[in-house]
Amino acid sequence: MKRLDPEWWATVTHEFQAHVREETGFLEAYEALAAASDDETVRFLLELIVADERRHHDLFSSLADASVAGGGGPTRPSITREQADGLTEPTQRFLDAEREESRKLATLHKELKPLRTDTLWPLLVELMEIDTAKHVRILEYLAERLAAAR
């Protein structure tokens, strides 16, 4: 890990900790609103947000803890050449599959436009498109690290 000055660490640590504090309030408010909703669809949508916010809260908590220690936590993968040899093909296969899924979801999303005011289907497919884009980015990152290790 790069050696950065203490002022930089203090700023980053403060930002991570502030985000955790702020997000705790939002998370609790989302949970309360979801629990209080009489509408099953509204509750379902808010629970989707709650699940994401919990994951974000956990990630920022980990980042805050690691920054207090001056680093640590998840770092760039330290992959050996042998590990890269075993991971490259499946990573590329998954990346290709996610990209294909992205194309299929985009097509399906367009086909569902007539239902956009009547059902959640177009929204849910759009959310899956967003998740798939995230998966592609993660796999691209991993593929870059694997290529560097080879």
C-alpha atoms as a PDB file:
ATOM      1  CA  MET A   1       0.000   0.000   0.000  1.00  0.00           C
ATOM      2  CA  LYS A   2       1.230   3.482  -0.838  1.00  0.00           C
ATOM      3  CA  ARG A   3       2.512   5.611   2.006  1.00  0.00           C
ATOM      4  CA  LEU A   4       0.236   8.624   2.227  1.00  0.00           C
ATOM      5  CA  ASP A   5       0.560  11.476   4.651  1.00  0.00           C
ATOM      6  CA  PRO A   6      -1.370  11.430   7.945  1.00  0.00           C
ATOM      7  CA  GLU A   7      -3.563  14.350   6.872  1.00  0.00           C
ATOM      8  CA  TRP A   8      -4.806  12.356   3.866  1.00  0.00           C
ATOM      9  CA  TRP A   9      -5.607   9.372   6.121  1.00  0.00           C
ATOM     10  CA  ALA A  10      -7.438  11.642   8.564  1.00  0.00           C
ATOM     11  CA  THR A  11      -9.560  13.136   5.770  1.00  0.00           C
ATOM     12  CA  VAL A  12     -10.449   9.769   4.264  1.00  0.00           C
ATOM     13  CA  THR A  13     -11.168   8.241   7.666  1.00  0.00           C
ATOM     14  CA  HIS A  14     -13.439  11.164   8.522  1.00  0.00           C
ATOM     15  CA  GLU A  15     -15.328  10.783   5.225  1.00  0.00           C
ATOM     16  CA  PHE A  16     -15.842   7.040   5.710  1.00  0.00           C
ATOM     17  CA  GLN A  17     -16.972   7.483   9.319  1.00  0.00           C
ATOM     18  CA  ALA A  18     -19.306  10.364   8.406  1.00  0.00           C
ATOM     19  CA  HIS A  19     -20.844   8.239   5.675  1.00  0.00           C
ATOM     20  CA  VAL A  20     -21.452   5.403   8.156  1.00  0.00           C
ATOM     21  CA  ARG A  21     -23.112   7.794  10.625  1.00  0.00           C
ATOM     22  CA  GLU A  22     -25.290   9.431   7.958  1.00  0.00           C
ATOM     23  CA  GLU A  23     -26.216   6.159   6.328  1.00  0.00           C
ATOM     24  CA  THR A  24     -27.237   4.652   9.665  1.00  0.00           C
ATOM     25  CA  GLY A  25     -29.997   7.250   9.919  1.00  0.00           C
ATOM     26  CA  PHE A  26     -31.153   6.662   6.347  1.00  0.00           C
ATOM     27  CA  LEU A  27     -31.096   2.906   6.819  1.00  0.00           C
ATOM     28  CA  GLU A  28     -33.220   3.134   9.955  1.00  0.00           C
ATOM     29  CA  ALA A  29     -35.649   5.503   8.208  1.00  0.00           C
ATOM     30  CA  TYR A  30     -35.964   3.196   5.186  1.00  0.00           C
ATOM     31  CA  GLU A  31     -36.554   0.197   7.461  1.00  0.00           C
ATOM     32  CA  ALA A  32     -39.229   2.064   9.407  1.00  0.00           C
ATOM     33  CA  LEU A  33     -40.971   3.265   6.260  1.00  0.00           C
ATOM     34  CA  ALA A  34     -40.936  -0.235   4.755  1.00  0.00           C
ATOM     35  CA  ALA A  35     -42.294  -1.759   7.962  1.00  0.00           C
ATOM     36  CA  ALA A  36     -45.045   0.861   8.207  1.00  0.00           C
ATOM     37  CA  SER A  37     -46.216   0.507   4.605  1.00  0.00           C
ATOM     38  CA  ASP A  38     -49.560  -1.167   4.099  1.00  0.00           C
ATOM     39  CA  ASP A  39     -48.899  -1.537   0.376  1.00  0.00           C
ATOM     40  CA  GLU A  40     -47.092  -4.766  -0.493  1.00  0.00           C
ATOM     41  CA  THR A  41     -45.490  -3.276  -3.618  1.00  0.00           C
ATOM     42  CA  VAL A  42     -44.210  -0.191  -1.811  1.00  0.00           C
ATOM     43  CA  ARG A  43     -42.829  -2.402   0.959  1.00  0.00           C
ATOM     44  CA  PHE A  44     -41.148  -4.664  -1.660  1.00  0.00           C
ATOM     45  CA  LEU A  45     -39.465  -1.685  -3.371  1.00  0.00           C
ATOM     46  CA  LEU A  46     -38.305  -0.174  -0.087  1.00  0.00           C
ATOM     47  CA  GLU A  47     -36.918  -3.542   1.027  1.00  0.00           C
ATOM     48  CA  LEU A  48     -34.827  -3.654  -2.167  1.00  0.00           C
ATOM     49  CA  ILE A  49     -33.316  -0.334  -1.120  1.00  0.00           C
ATOM     50  CA  VAL A  50     -32.841  -1.514   2.475  1.00  0.00           C
ATOM     51  CA  ALA A  51     -30.872  -4.557   1.284  1.00  0.00           C
ATOM     52  CA  ASP A  52     -28.560  -2.333  -0.792  1.00  0.00           C
ATOM     53  CA  GLU A  53     -28.193   0.210   2.013  1.00  0.00           C
ATOM     54  CA  ARG A  54     -27.263  -2.526   4.496  1.00  0.00           C
ATOM     55  CA  ARG A  55     -24.577  -3.775   2.125  1.00  0.00           C
ATOM     56  CA  HIS A  56     -23.306  -0.200   1.583  1.00  0.00           C
ATOM     57  CA  HIS A  57     -23.294   0.391   5.336  1.00  0.00           C
ATOM     58  CA  ASP A  58     -21.256  -2.781   5.909  1.00  0.00           C
ATOM     59  CA  LEU A  59     -18.784  -1.824   3.167  1.00  0.00           C
ATOM     60  CA  PHE A  60     -18.311   1.695   4.503  1.00  0.00           C
ATOM     61  CA  SER A  61     -17.920   0.346   8.044  1.00  0.00           C
ATOM     62  CA  SER A  62     -15.147  -1.941   6.783  1.00  0.00           C
ATOM     63  CA  LEU A  63     -13.498   0.943   4.921  1.00  0.00           C
ATOM     64  CA  ALA A  64     -13.708   3.157   8.015  1.00  0.00           C
ATOM     65  CA  ASP A  65     -12.185   0.440  10.226  1.00  0.00           C
ATOM     66  CA  ALA A  66      -9.379  -0.171   7.725  1.00  0.00           C
ATOM     67  CA  SER A  67      -8.628   3.532   7.335  1.00  0.00           C
ATOM     68  CA  VAL A  68      -8.355   4.012  11.127  1.00  0.00           C
ATOM     69  CA  ALA A  69      -5.639   1.350  11.029  1.00  0.00           C
ATOM     70  CA  GLY A  70      -3.887   3.248   8.233  1.00  0.00           C
ATOM     71  CA  GLY A  71      -4.772   0.763   5.546  1.00  0.00           C
ATOM     72  CA  GLY A  72      -5.527  -2.893   5.422  1.00  0.00           C
ATOM     73  CA  GLY A  73      -8.880  -4.326   4.572  1.00  0.00           C
ATOM     74  CA  PRO A  74      -9.549  -5.420   1.032  1.00  0.00           C
ATOM     75  CA  THR A  75      -6.473  -4.759  -1.062  1.00  0.00           C
ATOM     76  CA  ARG A  76      -5.641  -5.440  -4.667  1.00  0.00           C
ATOM     77  CA  PRO A  77      -5.500  -9.173  -5.230  1.00  0.00           C
ATOM     78  CA  SER A  78      -2.003 -10.652  -4.909  1.00  0.00           C
ATOM     79  CA  ILE A  79      -2.388 -13.375  -7.499  1.00  0.00           C
ATOM     80  CA  THR A  80       0.388 -15.764  -8.434  1.00  0.00           C
ATOM     81  CA  ARG A  81       0.938 -16.773 -12.035  1.00  0.00           C
ATOM     82  CA  GLU A  82      -0.379 -20.248 -11.232  1.00  0.00           C
ATOM     83  CA  GLN A  83      -3.540 -18.820  -9.679  1.00  0.00           C
ATOM     84  CA  ALA A  84      -3.992 -16.518 -12.686  1.00  0.00           C
ATOM     85  CA  ASP A  85      -3.668 -19.503 -15.005  1.00  0.00           C
ATOM     86  CA  GLY A  86      -6.520 -21.239 -13.186  1.00  0.00           C
ATOM     87  CA  LEU A  87      -8.749 -18.162 -12.863  1.00  0.00           C
ATOM     88  CA  THR A  88      -8.382 -16.527 -16.265  1.00  0.00           C
ATOM     89  CA  GLU A  89     -10.605 -18.854 -18.289  1.00  0.00           C
ATOM     90  CA  PRO A  90     -13.543 -18.988 -15.843  1.00  0.00           C
ATOM     91  CA  THR A  91     -13.326 -15.229 -15.277  1.00  0.00           C
ATOM     92  CA  GLN A  92     -13.497 -14.620 -19.023  1.00  0.00           C
ATOM     93  CA  ARG A  93     -16.376 -17.100 -19.334  1.00  0.00           C
ATOM     94  CA  PHE A  94     -18.303 -15.296 -16.595  1.00  0.00           C
ATOM     95  CA  LEU A  95     -17.512 -11.925 -18.171  1.00  0.00           C
ATOM     96  CA  ASP A  96     -18.806 -13.117 -21.552  1.00  0.00           C
ATOM     97  CA  ALA A  97     -21.948 -14.518 -19.902  1.00  0.00           C
ATOM     98  CA  GLU A  98     -22.613 -11.265 -18.012  1.00  0.00           C
ATOM     99  CA  ARG A  99     -22.173  -9.230 -21.201  1.00  0.00           C
ATOM    100  CA  GLU A 100     -24.588 -11.535 -23.015  1.00  0.00           C
ATOM    101  CA  GLU A 101     -27.006 -11.213 -20.098  1.00  0.00           C
ATOM    102  CA  SER A 102     -26.702  -7.443 -20.396  1.00  0.00           C
ATOM    103  CA  ARG A 103     -27.722  -7.591 -24.070  1.00  0.00           C
ATOM    104  CA  LYS A 104     -30.655  -9.894 -23.294  1.00  0.00           C
ATOM    105  CA  LEU A 105     -31.858  -7.706 -20.454  1.00  0.00           C
ATOM    106  CA  ALA A 106     -31.668  -4.581 -22.635  1.00  0.00           C
ATOM    107  CA  THR A 107     -33.812  -6.295 -25.258  1.00  0.00           C
ATOM    108  CA  LEU A 108     -36.281  -7.519 -22.641  1.00  0.00           C
ATOM    109  CA  HIS A 109     -36.450  -4.062 -21.076  1.00  0.00           C
ATOM    110  CA  LYS A 110     -37.461  -2.577 -24.434  1.00  0.00           C
ATOM    111  CA  GLU A 111     -40.077  -5.284 -24.922  1.00  0.00           C
ATOM    112  CA  LEU A 112     -41.600  -4.511 -21.527  1.00  0.00           C
ATOM    113  CA  LYS A 113     -42.130  -0.790 -22.218  1.00  0.00           C
ATOM    114  CA  PRO A 114     -45.881  -1.238 -22.819  1.00  0.00           C
ATOM    115  CA  LEU A 115     -46.160  -2.424 -19.193  1.00  0.00           C
ATOM    116  CA  ARG A 116     -44.171   0.409 -17.609  1.00  0.00           C
ATOM    117  CA  THR A 117     -47.240   2.031 -16.054  1.00  0.00           C
ATOM    118  CA  ASP A 118     -48.992  -1.213 -15.096  1.00  0.00           C
ATOM    119  CA  THR A 119     -46.339  -3.456 -13.501  1.00  0.00           C
ATOM    120  CA  LEU A 120     -42.939  -3.406 -11.817  1.00  0.00           C
ATOM    121  CA  TRP A 121     -41.477  -5.681 -14.485  1.00  0.00           C
ATOM    122  CA  PRO A 122     -39.705  -2.953 -16.507  1.00  0.00           C
ATOM    123  CA  LEU A 123     -38.252  -1.439 -13.325  1.00  0.00           C
ATOM    124  CA  LEU A 124     -37.061  -4.809 -12.019  1.00  0.00           C
ATOM    125  CA  VAL A 125     -35.425  -5.678 -15.337  1.00  0.00           C
ATOM    126  CA  GLU A 126     -33.771  -2.239 -15.355  1.00  0.00           C
ATOM    127  CA  LEU A 127     -32.428  -2.903 -11.856  1.00  0.00           C
ATOM    128  CA  MET A 128     -31.052  -6.243 -13.053  1.00  0.00           C
ATOM    129  CA  GLU A 129     -29.342  -4.376 -15.910  1.00  0.00           C
ATOM    130  CA  ILE A 130     -27.668  -2.140 -13.322  1.00  0.00           C
ATOM    131  CA  ASP A 131     -26.558  -5.167 -11.271  1.00  0.00           C
ATOM    132  CA  THR A 132     -25.242  -6.869 -14.406  1.00  0.00           C
ATOM    133  CA  ALA A 133     -23.212  -3.756 -15.296  1.00  0.00           C
ATOM    134  CA  LYS A 134     -21.728  -3.928 -11.790  1.00  0.00           C
ATOM    135  CA  HIS A 135     -20.859  -7.608 -12.256  1.00  0.00           C
ATOM    136  CA  VAL A 136     -19.172  -6.797 -15.581  1.00  0.00           C
ATOM    137  CA  ARG A 137     -17.086  -4.086 -13.932  1.00  0.00           C
ATOM    138  CA  ILE A 138     -16.002  -6.417 -11.111  1.00  0.00           C
ATOM    139  CA  LEU A 139     -15.019  -9.136 -13.588  1.00  0.00           C
ATOM    140  CA  GLU A 140     -13.166  -6.623 -15.781  1.00  0.00           C
ATOM    141  CA  TYR A 141     -11.197  -5.506 -12.738  1.00  0.00           C
ATOM    142  CA  LEU A 142     -10.389  -9.116 -11.882  1.00  0.00           C
ATOM    143  CA  ALA A 143      -9.401  -9.862 -15.495  1.00  0.00           C
ATOM    144  CA  GLU A 144      -7.022  -6.880 -15.454  1.00  0.00           C
ATOM    145  CA  ARG A 145      -5.349  -8.177 -12.261  1.00  0.00           C
ATOM    146  CA  LEU A 146      -5.126 -11.685 -13.721  1.00  0.00           C
ATOM    147  CA  ALA A 147      -3.520 -10.394 -16.905  1.00  0.00           C
ATOM    148  CA  ALA A 148      -0.978  -8.449 -14.861  1.00  0.00           C
ATOM    149  CA  ALA A 149      -0.104 -11.589 -12.890  1.00  0.00           C
ATOM    150  CA  ARG A 150       0.503 -13.615 -16.046  1.00  0.00           C
END
